[in-house]
Structures are given as structure tokens and as C-alpha cells.
């Protein structure tokens, strides 16, 4: 029973606290004007007060769901996560905007940022999980296919090439692991996979050489 009451009360408390933040700048903000609330959040972003800005944008979304500022707030929340280098959160937020507003004028921007968020989230060591690299290739691919003439399409293509090289290097790392242990039946399919999926990469050149050596034994 206590838990259920807290579930009801907590959102109200957070909402009230967020509204209370509007007085911090010393200006009176009309809480019934979504445009004014949105502009106040923009000022917080300029001041690097990201968490305060997020709370204000969430108030706009929740209190004025049918306002254009509600949609703008969705995108700006994603932008804040991006500015904070919270790549996982920014990717999810941009994806949500893309899915909810596929025909919005900022749809291309959001789709590009999905790819860039995953790109930035890729670890530097290929021994680690590279799920973000694969998601980046897919997200950028969707963006380029839908907006081939977009000014950022060239950058997306460059990032795709980088991500594909990283994924190929990952496969090469695994294949060489098997090869060093003389597990040829496991190594050869991995090398073949590199040649088939990433033929343009340096890893594919090495993979072909390794396949030839395995087949000559």
C-alpha cells in the first residue's frame, strides 16, 4: 500500500520541483506557456545546466503533449544526452523521435544522430562487445538510403567504412585466436566470413592469405 502511494505521489513531487526550477533565473515564467518554458530550457542548455534543462523539457512534454514544443522537447532531450556523451541514452532518444515522427522536418537529423551516437559508443578495443558498431552500420545505412542527398550523408558513409573495418577486425581477432590454437575447422569459417561480409577491408586481404595457408595443409 505504501509503495502504491509513493508511485502516485513521486511523479507529482518531481513535476512540482521541476516547475520550481523555473524561478532560478530570476525571471517569471508563465507555466501555461509551453513556448516560454521551452525557451527557458534552451537558456539552461546554453549554461550547461543539462539536468535542469531536461526536467523543464519533460514538463513541456507532459503538460502540453499536443503542442509543437512537446515534439521539439523530445528532440532537445536527445540532444542533451548527446552533449553529455551519454551515447546509449542519446541513441535511444533519437530512435524514439525517428519512430514517432518519421515525416518531421528534423527526421534526417535525428536519424543521422542515431548512427553517430552508436559510432561514438564503439569501444576502442575489438576484443570488447561491438554491438554498437553493428547498430551504427544499420542506423547509418537507413539514414543514407532515406536521405542520400543530405549534407551529412558523406560523413555517414565515412563512418560506415570505419565501423565495417572495426567489425572485420573483430572477426579477424577471433579467427586468429582459433588459428593460433590450430583449430582450423573453427578458424577457416571465420576467415571466410570476413571475405564474404567485409571484402573491402584490410582484414579481408589477410583473411584470404590465411585461408590459402589452411587449404594448403
N, C-alpha and C. Protein backbone atom coordinates (compact mmCIF):
# COMPACT_ATOMS: atom_id res chain seq x y z
N UNK A 1 0.82 -1.21 0.00
CA UNK A 1 0.00 0.00 0.00
C UNK A 1 0.86 1.26 0.00
N UNK A 2 1.92 1.25 0.84
CA UNK A 2 2.83 2.41 0.89
C UNK A 2 3.51 2.61 -0.45
N UNK A 3 3.93 1.50 -1.05
CA UNK A 3 4.60 1.58 -2.35
C UNK A 3 3.70 2.17 -3.41
N UNK A 4 2.43 1.75 -3.40
CA UNK A 4 1.48 2.27 -4.39
C UNK A 4 1.26 3.76 -4.22
N UNK A 5 1.21 4.22 -2.95
CA UNK A 5 1.05 5.66 -2.71
C UNK A 5 2.26 6.44 -3.21
N UNK A 6 3.45 5.86 -2.97
CA UNK A 6 4.67 6.53 -3.43
C UNK A 6 4.70 6.63 -4.94
N UNK A 7 4.25 5.57 -5.62
CA UNK A 7 4.22 5.59 -7.09
C UNK A 7 3.32 6.70 -7.60
N UNK A 8 2.28 7.01 -6.85
CA UNK A 8 1.37 8.09 -7.28
C UNK A 8 1.93 9.46 -6.93
N UNK A 9 2.54 9.56 -5.74
CA UNK A 9 3.00 10.85 -5.25
C UNK A 9 4.28 11.31 -5.92
N UNK A 10 5.22 10.36 -6.19
CA UNK A 10 6.53 10.74 -6.70
C UNK A 10 6.49 11.55 -7.98
N UNK A 11 5.72 11.15 -9.01
CA UNK A 11 5.67 11.99 -10.24
C UNK A 11 5.18 13.40 -9.97
N UNK A 12 4.22 13.52 -9.02
CA UNK A 12 3.68 14.84 -8.71
C UNK A 12 4.74 15.70 -8.05
N UNK A 13 5.52 15.09 -7.15
CA UNK A 13 6.58 15.82 -6.47
C UNK A 13 7.64 16.27 -7.46
N UNK A 14 8.06 15.36 -8.34
CA UNK A 14 9.08 15.70 -9.34
C UNK A 14 8.59 16.80 -10.27
N UNK A 15 7.31 16.71 -10.64
CA UNK A 15 6.73 17.74 -11.51
C UNK A 15 6.78 19.10 -10.83
N UNK A 16 6.43 19.13 -9.53
CA UNK A 16 6.42 20.38 -8.78
C UNK A 16 7.82 20.95 -8.62
N UNK A 17 8.79 20.06 -8.36
CA UNK A 17 10.17 20.51 -8.23
C UNK A 17 10.67 21.11 -9.53
N UNK A 18 10.32 20.45 -10.63
CA UNK A 18 10.75 20.95 -11.94
C UNK A 18 10.17 22.33 -12.20
N UNK A 19 8.90 22.51 -11.86
CA UNK A 19 8.30 23.82 -12.05
C UNK A 19 8.97 24.86 -11.17
N UNK A 20 9.38 24.44 -9.98
CA UNK A 20 10.05 25.36 -9.07
C UNK A 20 11.37 25.84 -9.61
N UNK A 21 11.99 25.05 -10.48
CA UNK A 21 13.27 25.45 -11.06
C UNK A 21 13.15 26.65 -11.97
N UNK A 22 11.94 26.90 -12.46
CA UNK A 22 11.77 27.99 -13.42
C UNK A 22 12.06 29.35 -12.81
N UNK A 23 12.01 29.43 -11.50
CA UNK A 23 12.26 30.72 -10.86
C UNK A 23 13.72 30.99 -10.63
N UNK A 24 14.60 30.01 -10.95
CA UNK A 24 16.03 30.15 -10.64
C UNK A 24 16.69 31.28 -11.40
N UNK A 25 16.20 31.56 -12.59
CA UNK A 25 16.85 32.57 -13.42
C UNK A 25 16.46 33.98 -13.01
N UNK A 26 15.51 34.10 -12.09
CA UNK A 26 15.08 35.42 -11.65
C UNK A 26 13.97 35.98 -12.53
N UNK A 27 13.58 35.26 -13.58
CA UNK A 27 12.52 35.72 -14.46
C UNK A 27 11.24 34.96 -14.14
N UNK A 28 10.11 35.63 -14.27
CA UNK A 28 8.83 34.98 -14.08
C UNK A 28 8.46 34.27 -15.37
N UNK A 29 8.25 32.95 -15.27
CA UNK A 29 7.89 32.16 -16.44
C UNK A 29 6.43 31.74 -16.33
N UNK A 30 5.69 31.98 -17.38
CA UNK A 30 4.29 31.57 -17.42
C UNK A 30 4.24 30.06 -17.60
N UNK A 31 3.82 29.37 -16.55
CA UNK A 31 3.80 27.91 -16.58
C UNK A 31 2.75 27.35 -17.53
N UNK A 32 1.89 28.21 -18.04
CA UNK A 32 0.89 27.77 -19.01
C UNK A 32 1.28 28.11 -20.45
N UNK A 33 2.51 28.56 -20.62
CA UNK A 33 3.03 28.92 -21.94
C UNK A 33 4.16 27.95 -22.30
N UNK A 34 3.87 26.94 -23.12
CA UNK A 34 4.91 25.95 -23.45
C UNK A 34 6.10 26.57 -24.17
N UNK A 35 5.84 27.61 -24.95
CA UNK A 35 6.93 28.28 -25.65
C UNK A 35 7.90 28.94 -24.68
N UNK A 36 7.35 29.57 -23.66
CA UNK A 36 8.19 30.22 -22.66
C UNK A 36 9.00 29.19 -21.87
N UNK A 37 8.36 28.09 -21.54
CA UNK A 37 9.05 27.02 -20.82
C UNK A 37 10.17 26.43 -21.67
N UNK A 38 9.88 26.26 -22.95
CA UNK A 38 10.87 25.70 -23.86
C UNK A 38 12.07 26.63 -24.00
N UNK A 39 11.81 27.92 -24.14
CA UNK A 39 12.90 28.89 -24.27
C UNK A 39 13.74 28.94 -23.00
N UNK A 40 13.08 28.80 -21.87
CA UNK A 40 13.82 28.78 -20.60
C UNK A 40 14.75 27.55 -20.55
N UNK A 41 14.27 26.43 -21.04
CA UNK A 41 15.10 25.22 -21.10
C UNK A 41 16.30 25.44 -22.01
N UNK A 42 16.07 26.15 -23.12
CA UNK A 42 17.18 26.44 -24.04
C UNK A 42 18.26 27.28 -23.35
N UNK A 43 17.84 28.20 -22.51
CA UNK A 43 18.81 29.01 -21.76
C UNK A 43 19.62 28.14 -20.81
N UNK A 44 18.96 27.16 -20.22
CA UNK A 44 19.67 26.24 -19.32
C UNK A 44 20.70 25.42 -20.10
N UNK A 45 20.36 25.03 -21.31
CA UNK A 45 21.29 24.26 -22.15
C UNK A 45 22.52 25.12 -22.46
N UNK A 46 22.29 26.38 -22.80
CA UNK A 46 23.40 27.29 -23.09
C UNK A 46 24.32 27.43 -21.88
N UNK A 47 23.75 27.34 -20.69
CA UNK A 47 24.54 27.46 -19.47
C UNK A 47 25.10 26.13 -18.99
N UNK A 48 24.95 25.09 -19.80
CA UNK A 48 25.43 23.75 -19.45
C UNK A 48 24.72 23.18 -18.23
N UNK A 49 23.52 23.66 -17.95
CA UNK A 49 22.72 23.12 -16.85
C UNK A 49 21.80 22.04 -17.44
N UNK A 50 22.43 20.94 -17.83
CA UNK A 50 21.72 19.95 -18.64
C UNK A 50 20.58 19.26 -17.89
N UNK A 51 20.82 18.87 -16.64
CA UNK A 51 19.78 18.15 -15.92
C UNK A 51 18.57 19.04 -15.66
N UNK A 52 18.82 20.31 -15.35
CA UNK A 52 17.71 21.25 -15.15
C UNK A 52 16.93 21.41 -16.45
N UNK A 53 17.66 21.52 -17.56
CA UNK A 53 17.00 21.66 -18.86
C UNK A 53 16.14 20.45 -19.18
N UNK A 54 16.65 19.25 -18.88
CA UNK A 54 15.88 18.03 -19.14
C UNK A 54 14.58 18.04 -18.35
N UNK A 55 14.66 18.43 -17.09
CA UNK A 55 13.45 18.46 -16.26
C UNK A 55 12.43 19.44 -16.83
N UNK A 56 12.89 20.58 -17.29
CA UNK A 56 11.97 21.58 -17.86
C UNK A 56 11.36 21.08 -19.16
N UNK A 57 12.16 20.44 -19.98
CA UNK A 57 11.65 19.91 -21.24
C UNK A 57 10.64 18.79 -20.99
N UNK A 58 10.88 18.02 -19.96
CA UNK A 58 9.92 16.97 -19.61
C UNK A 58 8.59 17.56 -19.15
N UNK A 59 8.64 18.68 -18.48
CA UNK A 59 7.41 19.36 -18.07
C UNK A 59 6.64 19.80 -19.31
N UNK A 60 7.33 20.34 -20.29
CA UNK A 60 6.67 20.75 -21.54
C UNK A 60 6.01 19.55 -22.20
N UNK A 61 6.74 18.43 -22.27
CA UNK A 61 6.20 17.22 -22.90
C UNK A 61 4.96 16.72 -22.17
N UNK A 62 5.04 16.67 -20.85
CA UNK A 62 3.96 16.07 -20.07
C UNK A 62 2.74 16.98 -19.93
N UNK A 63 2.99 18.28 -19.81
CA UNK A 63 1.89 19.21 -19.58
C UNK A 63 1.23 19.69 -20.87
N UNK A 64 2.02 19.68 -21.96
CA UNK A 64 1.50 20.17 -23.25
C UNK A 64 1.79 19.15 -24.36
N UNK A 65 1.24 17.95 -24.25
CA UNK A 65 1.58 16.87 -25.19
C UNK A 65 1.20 17.14 -26.64
N UNK A 66 0.26 18.05 -26.86
CA UNK A 66 -0.21 18.33 -28.23
C UNK A 66 0.40 19.62 -28.80
N UNK A 67 1.31 20.21 -28.06
CA UNK A 67 1.98 21.41 -28.53
C UNK A 67 3.17 21.03 -29.41
N UNK A 68 3.52 21.89 -30.38
CA UNK A 68 4.71 21.65 -31.19
C UNK A 68 5.95 21.65 -30.30
N UNK A 69 5.87 22.34 -29.19
CA UNK A 69 7.01 22.39 -28.29
C UNK A 69 7.24 21.06 -27.58
N UNK A 70 6.20 20.25 -27.52
CA UNK A 70 6.35 18.92 -26.95
C UNK A 70 7.26 18.07 -27.84
N UNK A 71 7.02 18.15 -29.15
CA UNK A 71 7.87 17.41 -30.10
C UNK A 71 9.28 17.96 -30.09
N UNK A 72 9.39 19.30 -30.07
CA UNK A 72 10.72 19.92 -30.03
C UNK A 72 11.47 19.50 -28.75
N UNK A 73 10.73 19.34 -27.67
CA UNK A 73 11.35 18.95 -26.41
C UNK A 73 11.91 17.54 -26.48
N UNK A 74 11.20 16.65 -27.16
CA UNK A 74 11.70 15.28 -27.34
C UNK A 74 13.08 15.30 -27.99
N UNK A 75 13.20 16.10 -29.05
CA UNK A 75 14.46 16.15 -29.77
C UNK A 75 15.56 16.81 -28.94
N UNK A 76 15.20 17.85 -28.22
CA UNK A 76 16.22 18.54 -27.42
C UNK A 76 16.71 17.70 -26.26
N UNK A 77 15.86 16.85 -25.72
CA UNK A 77 16.32 15.93 -24.67
C UNK A 77 17.36 14.98 -25.24
N UNK A 78 17.11 14.48 -26.45
CA UNK A 78 18.10 13.62 -27.11
C UNK A 78 19.40 14.39 -27.34
N UNK A 79 19.28 15.66 -27.74
CA UNK A 79 20.47 16.49 -27.96
C UNK A 79 21.28 16.66 -26.67
N UNK A 80 20.58 16.81 -25.56
CA UNK A 80 21.28 16.98 -24.29
C UNK A 80 22.07 15.71 -23.94
N UNK A 81 21.46 14.56 -24.12
CA UNK A 81 22.19 13.32 -23.87
C UNK A 81 23.42 13.23 -24.76
N UNK A 82 23.27 13.69 -26.01
CA UNK A 82 24.40 13.69 -26.95
C UNK A 82 25.49 14.62 -26.45
N UNK A 83 25.12 15.81 -26.01
CA UNK A 83 26.09 16.76 -25.48
C UNK A 83 26.80 16.22 -24.25
N UNK A 84 26.10 15.42 -23.46
CA UNK A 84 26.68 14.83 -22.27
C UNK A 84 27.52 13.59 -22.58
N UNK A 85 27.53 13.20 -23.86
CA UNK A 85 28.23 11.99 -24.30
C UNK A 85 27.65 10.74 -23.65
N UNK A 86 26.35 10.80 -23.37
CA UNK A 86 25.63 9.62 -22.90
C UNK A 86 25.06 8.92 -24.13
N UNK A 87 25.95 8.22 -24.82
CA UNK A 87 25.64 7.74 -26.17
C UNK A 87 24.47 6.76 -26.21
N UNK A 88 24.38 5.87 -25.22
CA UNK A 88 23.27 4.93 -25.21
C UNK A 88 21.93 5.63 -25.09
N UNK A 89 21.86 6.60 -24.17
CA UNK A 89 20.62 7.35 -23.98
C UNK A 89 20.28 8.21 -25.18
N UNK A 90 21.29 8.82 -25.79
CA UNK A 90 21.01 9.66 -26.96
C UNK A 90 20.52 8.82 -28.14
N UNK A 91 21.14 7.64 -28.34
CA UNK A 91 20.70 6.76 -29.43
C UNK A 91 19.25 6.36 -29.27
N UNK A 92 18.88 5.94 -28.07
CA UNK A 92 17.50 5.53 -27.81
C UNK A 92 16.53 6.69 -27.98
N UNK A 93 16.92 7.87 -27.52
CA UNK A 93 16.04 9.05 -27.62
C UNK A 93 15.85 9.49 -29.07
N UNK A 94 16.93 9.49 -29.85
CA UNK A 94 16.80 9.84 -31.27
C UNK A 94 15.98 8.78 -32.02
N UNK A 95 16.17 7.52 -31.66
CA UNK A 95 15.38 6.45 -32.29
C UNK A 95 13.90 6.63 -32.00
N UNK A 96 13.58 7.00 -30.76
CA UNK A 96 12.19 7.23 -30.39
C UNK A 96 11.60 8.38 -31.20
N UNK A 97 12.35 9.46 -31.35
CA UNK A 97 11.89 10.59 -32.14
C UNK A 97 11.68 10.17 -33.59
N UNK A 98 12.64 9.43 -34.14
CA UNK A 98 12.54 8.95 -35.52
C UNK A 98 11.29 8.11 -35.73
N UNK A 99 11.01 7.21 -34.79
CA UNK A 99 9.88 6.31 -34.94
C UNK A 99 8.54 7.02 -34.76
N UNK A 100 8.51 7.99 -33.85
CA UNK A 100 7.26 8.69 -33.57
C UNK A 100 6.95 9.78 -34.60
N UNK A 101 7.99 10.33 -35.22
CA UNK A 101 7.81 11.46 -36.14
C UNK A 101 8.60 11.25 -37.43
N UNK A 102 8.28 10.20 -38.19
CA UNK A 102 9.06 9.87 -39.39
C UNK A 102 9.04 10.92 -40.49
N UNK A 103 8.02 11.80 -40.48
CA UNK A 103 7.90 12.82 -41.53
C UNK A 103 8.26 14.22 -41.02
N UNK A 104 8.78 14.29 -39.81
CA UNK A 104 9.15 15.58 -39.25
C UNK A 104 10.31 16.18 -40.02
N UNK A 105 10.38 17.51 -40.04
CA UNK A 105 11.45 18.18 -40.78
C UNK A 105 12.84 17.87 -40.22
N UNK A 106 12.90 17.41 -38.98
CA UNK A 106 14.18 17.06 -38.38
C UNK A 106 14.41 15.54 -38.36
N UNK A 107 13.64 14.80 -39.14
CA UNK A 107 13.77 13.34 -39.16
C UNK A 107 15.17 12.92 -39.63
N UNK A 108 15.67 13.57 -40.67
CA UNK A 108 17.01 13.23 -41.18
C UNK A 108 18.07 13.49 -40.12
N UNK A 109 17.94 14.62 -39.45
CA UNK A 109 18.88 14.98 -38.39
C UNK A 109 18.87 13.92 -37.29
N UNK A 110 17.67 13.51 -36.88
CA UNK A 110 17.56 12.51 -35.82
C UNK A 110 18.15 11.18 -36.26
N UNK A 111 17.90 10.77 -37.50
CA UNK A 111 18.42 9.50 -37.99
C UNK A 111 19.94 9.52 -38.07
N UNK A 112 20.50 10.64 -38.50
CA UNK A 112 21.96 10.75 -38.53
C UNK A 112 22.53 10.66 -37.12
N UNK A 113 21.87 11.31 -36.17
CA UNK A 113 22.35 11.30 -34.80
C UNK A 113 22.24 9.91 -34.15
N UNK A 114 21.30 9.10 -34.58
CA UNK A 114 21.24 7.72 -34.10
C UNK A 114 22.55 7.01 -34.46
N UNK A 115 22.91 7.11 -35.74
CA UNK A 115 24.14 6.49 -36.19
C UNK A 115 25.37 7.04 -35.50
N UNK A 116 25.42 8.37 -35.34
CA UNK A 116 26.58 8.99 -34.71
C UNK A 116 26.69 8.60 -33.23
N UNK A 117 25.56 8.45 -32.57
CA UNK A 117 25.58 8.04 -31.17
C UNK A 117 26.18 6.65 -31.03
N UNK A 118 25.74 5.73 -31.89
CA UNK A 118 26.31 4.38 -31.85
C UNK A 118 27.78 4.40 -32.24
N UNK A 119 28.11 5.21 -33.23
CA UNK A 119 29.51 5.32 -33.67
C UNK A 119 30.39 5.77 -32.51
N UNK A 120 29.95 6.76 -31.78
CA UNK A 120 30.73 7.27 -30.65
C UNK A 120 30.80 6.30 -29.48
N UNK A 121 29.87 5.36 -29.46
CA UNK A 121 29.80 4.40 -28.35
C UNK A 121 30.67 3.16 -28.57
N UNK A 122 31.29 3.06 -29.73
CA UNK A 122 32.10 1.88 -30.05
C UNK A 122 33.38 1.88 -29.21
N UNK A 123 33.67 0.80 -28.50
CA UNK A 123 34.91 0.74 -27.71
C UNK A 123 36.14 0.70 -28.61
N UNK A 124 37.26 1.12 -28.07
CA UNK A 124 38.49 1.15 -28.86
C UNK A 124 39.15 -0.20 -29.01
N UNK A 125 38.77 -1.16 -28.20
CA UNK A 125 39.39 -2.49 -28.22
C UNK A 125 38.44 -3.48 -28.90
N UNK A 126 38.87 -4.12 -29.98
CA UNK A 126 37.99 -5.03 -30.71
C UNK A 126 37.68 -6.29 -29.92
N UNK A 127 38.40 -6.52 -28.84
CA UNK A 127 38.11 -7.69 -28.01
C UNK A 127 36.82 -7.50 -27.22
N UNK A 128 36.35 -6.26 -27.13
CA UNK A 128 35.13 -5.97 -26.37
C UNK A 128 33.88 -6.12 -27.25
N UNK A 129 32.72 -6.01 -26.62
CA UNK A 129 31.45 -6.13 -27.32
C UNK A 129 31.29 -5.00 -28.34
N UNK A 130 31.03 -5.38 -29.59
CA UNK A 130 30.90 -4.38 -30.67
C UNK A 130 29.47 -4.29 -31.19
N UNK A 131 28.51 -4.54 -30.32
CA UNK A 131 27.10 -4.42 -30.73
C UNK A 131 26.80 -3.01 -31.24
N UNK A 132 27.38 -2.01 -30.58
CA UNK A 132 27.13 -0.62 -31.00
C UNK A 132 27.66 -0.36 -32.41
N UNK A 133 28.73 -1.05 -32.80
CA UNK A 133 29.26 -0.87 -34.15
C UNK A 133 28.28 -1.41 -35.19
N UNK A 134 27.71 -2.58 -34.92
CA UNK A 134 26.74 -3.16 -35.84
C UNK A 134 25.48 -2.30 -35.92
N UNK A 135 25.03 -1.80 -34.78
CA UNK A 135 23.85 -0.93 -34.76
C UNK A 135 24.14 0.38 -35.50
N UNK A 136 25.38 0.86 -35.39
CA UNK A 136 25.76 2.08 -36.09
C UNK A 136 25.70 1.90 -37.60
N UNK A 137 26.19 0.77 -38.09
CA UNK A 137 26.13 0.48 -39.52
C UNK A 137 24.68 0.45 -39.99
N UNK A 138 23.84 -0.21 -39.23
CA UNK A 138 22.43 -0.33 -39.61
C UNK A 138 21.73 1.04 -39.58
N UNK A 139 21.99 1.81 -38.54
CA UNK A 139 21.34 3.12 -38.41
C UNK A 139 21.79 4.08 -39.51
N UNK A 140 23.09 4.13 -39.75
CA UNK A 140 23.61 4.98 -40.82
C UNK A 140 23.10 4.51 -42.19
N UNK A 141 23.02 3.19 -42.35
CA UNK A 141 22.52 2.66 -43.62
C UNK A 141 21.09 3.11 -43.89
N UNK A 142 20.24 3.06 -42.86
CA UNK A 142 18.86 3.53 -43.00
C UNK A 142 18.83 5.02 -43.36
N UNK A 143 19.69 5.78 -42.71
CA UNK A 143 19.74 7.23 -42.96
C UNK A 143 20.15 7.52 -44.41
N UNK A 144 21.21 6.88 -44.87
CA UNK A 144 21.71 7.13 -46.23
C UNK A 144 20.70 6.70 -47.28
N UNK A 145 20.04 5.57 -47.03
CA UNK A 145 19.04 5.10 -48.01
C UNK A 145 17.86 6.06 -48.10
N UNK A 146 17.47 6.63 -46.99
CA UNK A 146 16.31 7.51 -47.00
C UNK A 146 16.67 8.93 -47.42
N UNK A 147 17.88 9.38 -47.05
CA UNK A 147 18.28 10.76 -47.35
C UNK A 147 19.65 10.78 -48.03
N UNK A 148 19.74 10.21 -49.23
CA UNK A 148 21.05 10.12 -49.91
C UNK A 148 21.66 11.47 -50.26
N UNK A 149 20.83 12.49 -50.40
CA UNK A 149 21.33 13.81 -50.78
C UNK A 149 21.57 14.72 -49.57
N UNK A 150 21.36 14.21 -48.38
CA UNK A 150 21.55 15.03 -47.18
C UNK A 150 23.02 15.43 -47.05
N UNK A 151 23.29 16.66 -46.60
CA UNK A 151 24.68 17.12 -46.45
C UNK A 151 25.53 16.23 -45.55
N UNK A 152 24.91 15.49 -44.63
CA UNK A 152 25.66 14.65 -43.72
C UNK A 152 25.79 13.20 -44.21
N UNK A 153 25.27 12.93 -45.40
CA UNK A 153 25.34 11.57 -45.93
C UNK A 153 26.79 11.13 -46.17
N UNK A 154 27.65 12.06 -46.61
CA UNK A 154 29.05 11.72 -46.85
C UNK A 154 29.75 11.33 -45.56
N UNK A 155 29.49 12.08 -44.50
CA UNK A 155 30.08 11.75 -43.20
C UNK A 155 29.59 10.39 -42.71
N UNK A 156 28.31 10.13 -42.95
CA UNK A 156 27.75 8.83 -42.55
C UNK A 156 28.44 7.69 -43.29
N UNK A 157 28.69 7.88 -44.59
CA UNK A 157 29.38 6.86 -45.38
C UNK A 157 30.80 6.62 -44.86
N UNK A 158 31.48 7.69 -44.49
CA UNK A 158 32.83 7.56 -43.93
C UNK A 158 32.79 6.79 -42.62
N UNK A 159 31.81 7.10 -41.78
CA UNK A 159 31.67 6.39 -40.51
C UNK A 159 31.32 4.92 -40.72
N UNK A 160 30.49 4.64 -41.72
CA UNK A 160 30.15 3.26 -42.03
C UNK A 160 31.41 2.47 -42.38
N UNK A 161 32.27 3.06 -43.20
CA UNK A 161 33.51 2.40 -43.59
C UNK A 161 34.37 2.10 -42.36
N UNK A 162 34.43 3.06 -41.44
CA UNK A 162 35.20 2.86 -40.21
C UNK A 162 34.61 1.74 -39.36
N UNK A 163 33.29 1.74 -39.25
CA UNK A 163 32.62 0.72 -38.45
C UNK A 163 32.78 -0.66 -39.07
N UNK A 164 32.69 -0.75 -40.38
CA UNK A 164 32.86 -2.04 -41.06
C UNK A 164 34.28 -2.56 -40.87
N UNK A 165 35.26 -1.68 -40.92
CA UNK A 165 36.63 -2.09 -40.66
C UNK A 165 36.78 -2.63 -39.24
N UNK A 166 36.14 -1.97 -38.30
CA UNK A 166 36.20 -2.41 -36.91
C UNK A 166 35.56 -3.78 -36.74
N UNK A 167 34.42 -3.99 -37.37
CA UNK A 167 33.74 -5.28 -37.29
C UNK A 167 34.57 -6.38 -37.95
N UNK A 168 35.22 -6.04 -39.06
CA UNK A 168 36.08 -7.01 -39.73
C UNK A 168 37.28 -7.36 -38.85
N UNK A 169 37.84 -6.36 -38.21
CA UNK A 169 38.98 -6.60 -37.31
C UNK A 169 38.57 -7.49 -36.14
N UNK A 170 37.34 -7.34 -35.68
CA UNK A 170 36.83 -8.20 -34.61
C UNK A 170 36.81 -9.65 -35.07
N UNK A 171 36.29 -9.89 -36.28
CA UNK A 171 36.25 -11.25 -36.81
C UNK A 171 37.66 -11.81 -37.01
N UNK A 172 38.56 -10.95 -37.44
CA UNK A 172 39.95 -11.38 -37.64
C UNK A 172 40.59 -11.75 -36.31
N UNK A 173 40.29 -10.99 -35.29
CA UNK A 173 40.80 -11.27 -33.94
C UNK A 173 40.36 -12.66 -33.48
N UNK A 174 39.09 -12.99 -33.71
CA UNK A 174 38.56 -14.30 -33.31
C UNK A 174 39.16 -15.42 -34.16
N UNK A 175 39.23 -15.17 -35.47
CA UNK A 175 39.77 -16.18 -36.38
C UNK A 175 41.22 -16.50 -36.04
N UNK A 176 42.01 -15.48 -35.77
CA UNK A 176 43.42 -15.70 -35.41
C UNK A 176 43.56 -16.41 -34.07
N UNK A 177 42.61 -16.17 -33.18
CA UNK A 177 42.59 -16.88 -31.90
C UNK A 177 42.49 -18.38 -32.14
N UNK A 178 41.57 -18.78 -33.02
CA UNK A 178 41.43 -20.20 -33.34
C UNK A 178 42.65 -20.73 -34.08
N UNK A 179 43.19 -19.91 -34.99
CA UNK A 179 44.33 -20.36 -35.79
C UNK A 179 45.55 -20.62 -34.91
N UNK A 180 45.80 -19.77 -33.95
CA UNK A 180 46.95 -19.94 -33.05
C UNK A 180 46.86 -21.24 -32.27
N UNK A 181 45.65 -21.71 -32.06
CA UNK A 181 45.44 -22.95 -31.33
C UNK A 181 45.25 -24.14 -32.26
N UNK A 182 45.51 -23.90 -33.53
CA UNK A 182 45.44 -24.93 -34.56
C UNK A 182 44.03 -25.52 -34.69
N UNK A 183 43.02 -24.70 -34.39
CA UNK A 183 41.62 -25.11 -34.54
C UNK A 183 41.14 -24.66 -35.92
N UNK A 184 41.63 -25.35 -36.93
CA UNK A 184 41.43 -24.91 -38.31
C UNK A 184 39.98 -24.95 -38.75
N UNK A 185 39.23 -25.95 -38.24
CA UNK A 185 37.81 -26.06 -38.61
C UNK A 185 36.99 -24.88 -38.06
N UNK A 186 37.49 -24.23 -37.02
CA UNK A 186 36.81 -23.05 -36.48
C UNK A 186 37.36 -21.76 -37.09
N UNK A 187 38.67 -21.78 -37.41
CA UNK A 187 39.30 -20.58 -37.95
C UNK A 187 38.87 -20.29 -39.37
N UNK A 188 38.85 -21.32 -40.22
CA UNK A 188 38.56 -21.09 -41.64
C UNK A 188 37.21 -20.42 -41.89
N UNK A 189 36.10 -20.87 -41.24
CA UNK A 189 34.82 -20.20 -41.47
C UNK A 189 34.83 -18.72 -41.06
N UNK A 190 35.61 -18.43 -40.03
CA UNK A 190 35.72 -17.03 -39.59
C UNK A 190 36.44 -16.19 -40.64
N UNK A 191 37.52 -16.71 -41.18
CA UNK A 191 38.24 -16.00 -42.24
C UNK A 191 37.34 -15.83 -43.46
N UNK A 192 36.59 -16.89 -43.78
CA UNK A 192 35.69 -16.84 -44.93
C UNK A 192 34.60 -15.79 -44.71
N UNK A 193 34.13 -15.68 -43.49
CA UNK A 193 33.10 -14.69 -43.17
C UNK A 193 33.61 -13.28 -43.44
N UNK A 194 34.86 -13.02 -43.11
CA UNK A 194 35.44 -11.70 -43.35
C UNK A 194 35.47 -11.39 -44.84
N UNK A 195 35.91 -12.37 -45.62
CA UNK A 195 36.00 -12.18 -47.08
C UNK A 195 34.62 -11.93 -47.67
N UNK A 196 33.62 -12.64 -47.17
CA UNK A 196 32.27 -12.51 -47.72
C UNK A 196 31.57 -11.22 -47.29
N UNK A 197 31.74 -10.84 -46.02
CA UNK A 197 30.99 -9.70 -45.49
C UNK A 197 31.72 -8.36 -45.60
N UNK A 198 33.06 -8.42 -45.53
CA UNK A 198 33.84 -7.18 -45.50
C UNK A 198 34.98 -7.23 -46.52
N UNK A 199 34.65 -7.47 -47.79
CA UNK A 199 35.69 -7.67 -48.81
C UNK A 199 36.58 -6.46 -49.06
N UNK A 200 36.11 -5.26 -48.71
CA UNK A 200 36.87 -4.04 -49.00
C UNK A 200 37.88 -3.70 -47.90
N UNK A 201 37.90 -4.47 -46.83
CA UNK A 201 38.73 -4.13 -45.68
C UNK A 201 40.11 -4.79 -45.74
N UNK A 202 41.10 -4.21 -45.06
CA UNK A 202 42.42 -4.85 -44.96
C UNK A 202 42.34 -6.23 -44.32
N UNK A 203 41.38 -6.42 -43.42
CA UNK A 203 41.21 -7.72 -42.77
C UNK A 203 40.88 -8.80 -43.79
N UNK A 204 40.17 -8.44 -44.83
CA UNK A 204 39.81 -9.42 -45.86
C UNK A 204 41.04 -9.90 -46.62
N UNK A 205 41.97 -8.99 -46.86
CA UNK A 205 43.22 -9.37 -47.55
C UNK A 205 43.99 -10.39 -46.72
N UNK A 206 44.10 -10.12 -45.43
CA UNK A 206 44.78 -11.06 -44.55
C UNK A 206 44.02 -12.38 -44.45
N UNK A 207 42.70 -12.29 -44.41
CA UNK A 207 41.87 -13.49 -44.30
C UNK A 207 42.07 -14.41 -45.50
N UNK A 208 42.17 -13.85 -46.70
CA UNK A 208 42.39 -14.65 -47.90
C UNK A 208 43.72 -15.39 -47.82
N UNK A 209 44.74 -14.71 -47.33
CA UNK A 209 46.06 -15.33 -47.19
C UNK A 209 46.01 -16.48 -46.19
N UNK A 210 45.29 -16.29 -45.10
CA UNK A 210 45.19 -17.32 -44.07
C UNK A 210 44.40 -18.53 -44.58
N UNK A 211 43.35 -18.27 -45.35
CA UNK A 211 42.57 -19.37 -45.94
C UNK A 211 43.43 -20.20 -46.87
N UNK A 212 44.26 -19.53 -47.69
CA UNK A 212 45.14 -20.25 -48.62
C UNK A 212 46.12 -21.13 -47.86
N UNK A 213 46.65 -20.64 -46.75
CA UNK A 213 47.59 -21.42 -45.96
C UNK A 213 46.91 -22.63 -45.32
N UNK A 214 45.69 -22.39 -44.83
CA UNK A 214 44.94 -23.51 -44.23
C UNK A 214 44.64 -24.57 -45.26
N UNK A 215 44.23 -24.14 -46.46
CA UNK A 215 43.86 -25.10 -47.52
C UNK A 215 45.06 -25.85 -48.07
N UNK A 216 46.25 -25.28 -47.90
CA UNK A 216 47.46 -25.94 -48.42
C UNK A 216 47.99 -27.01 -47.48
N UNK A 217 47.47 -27.07 -46.27
CA UNK A 217 47.95 -28.07 -45.30
C UNK A 217 47.37 -29.44 -45.59
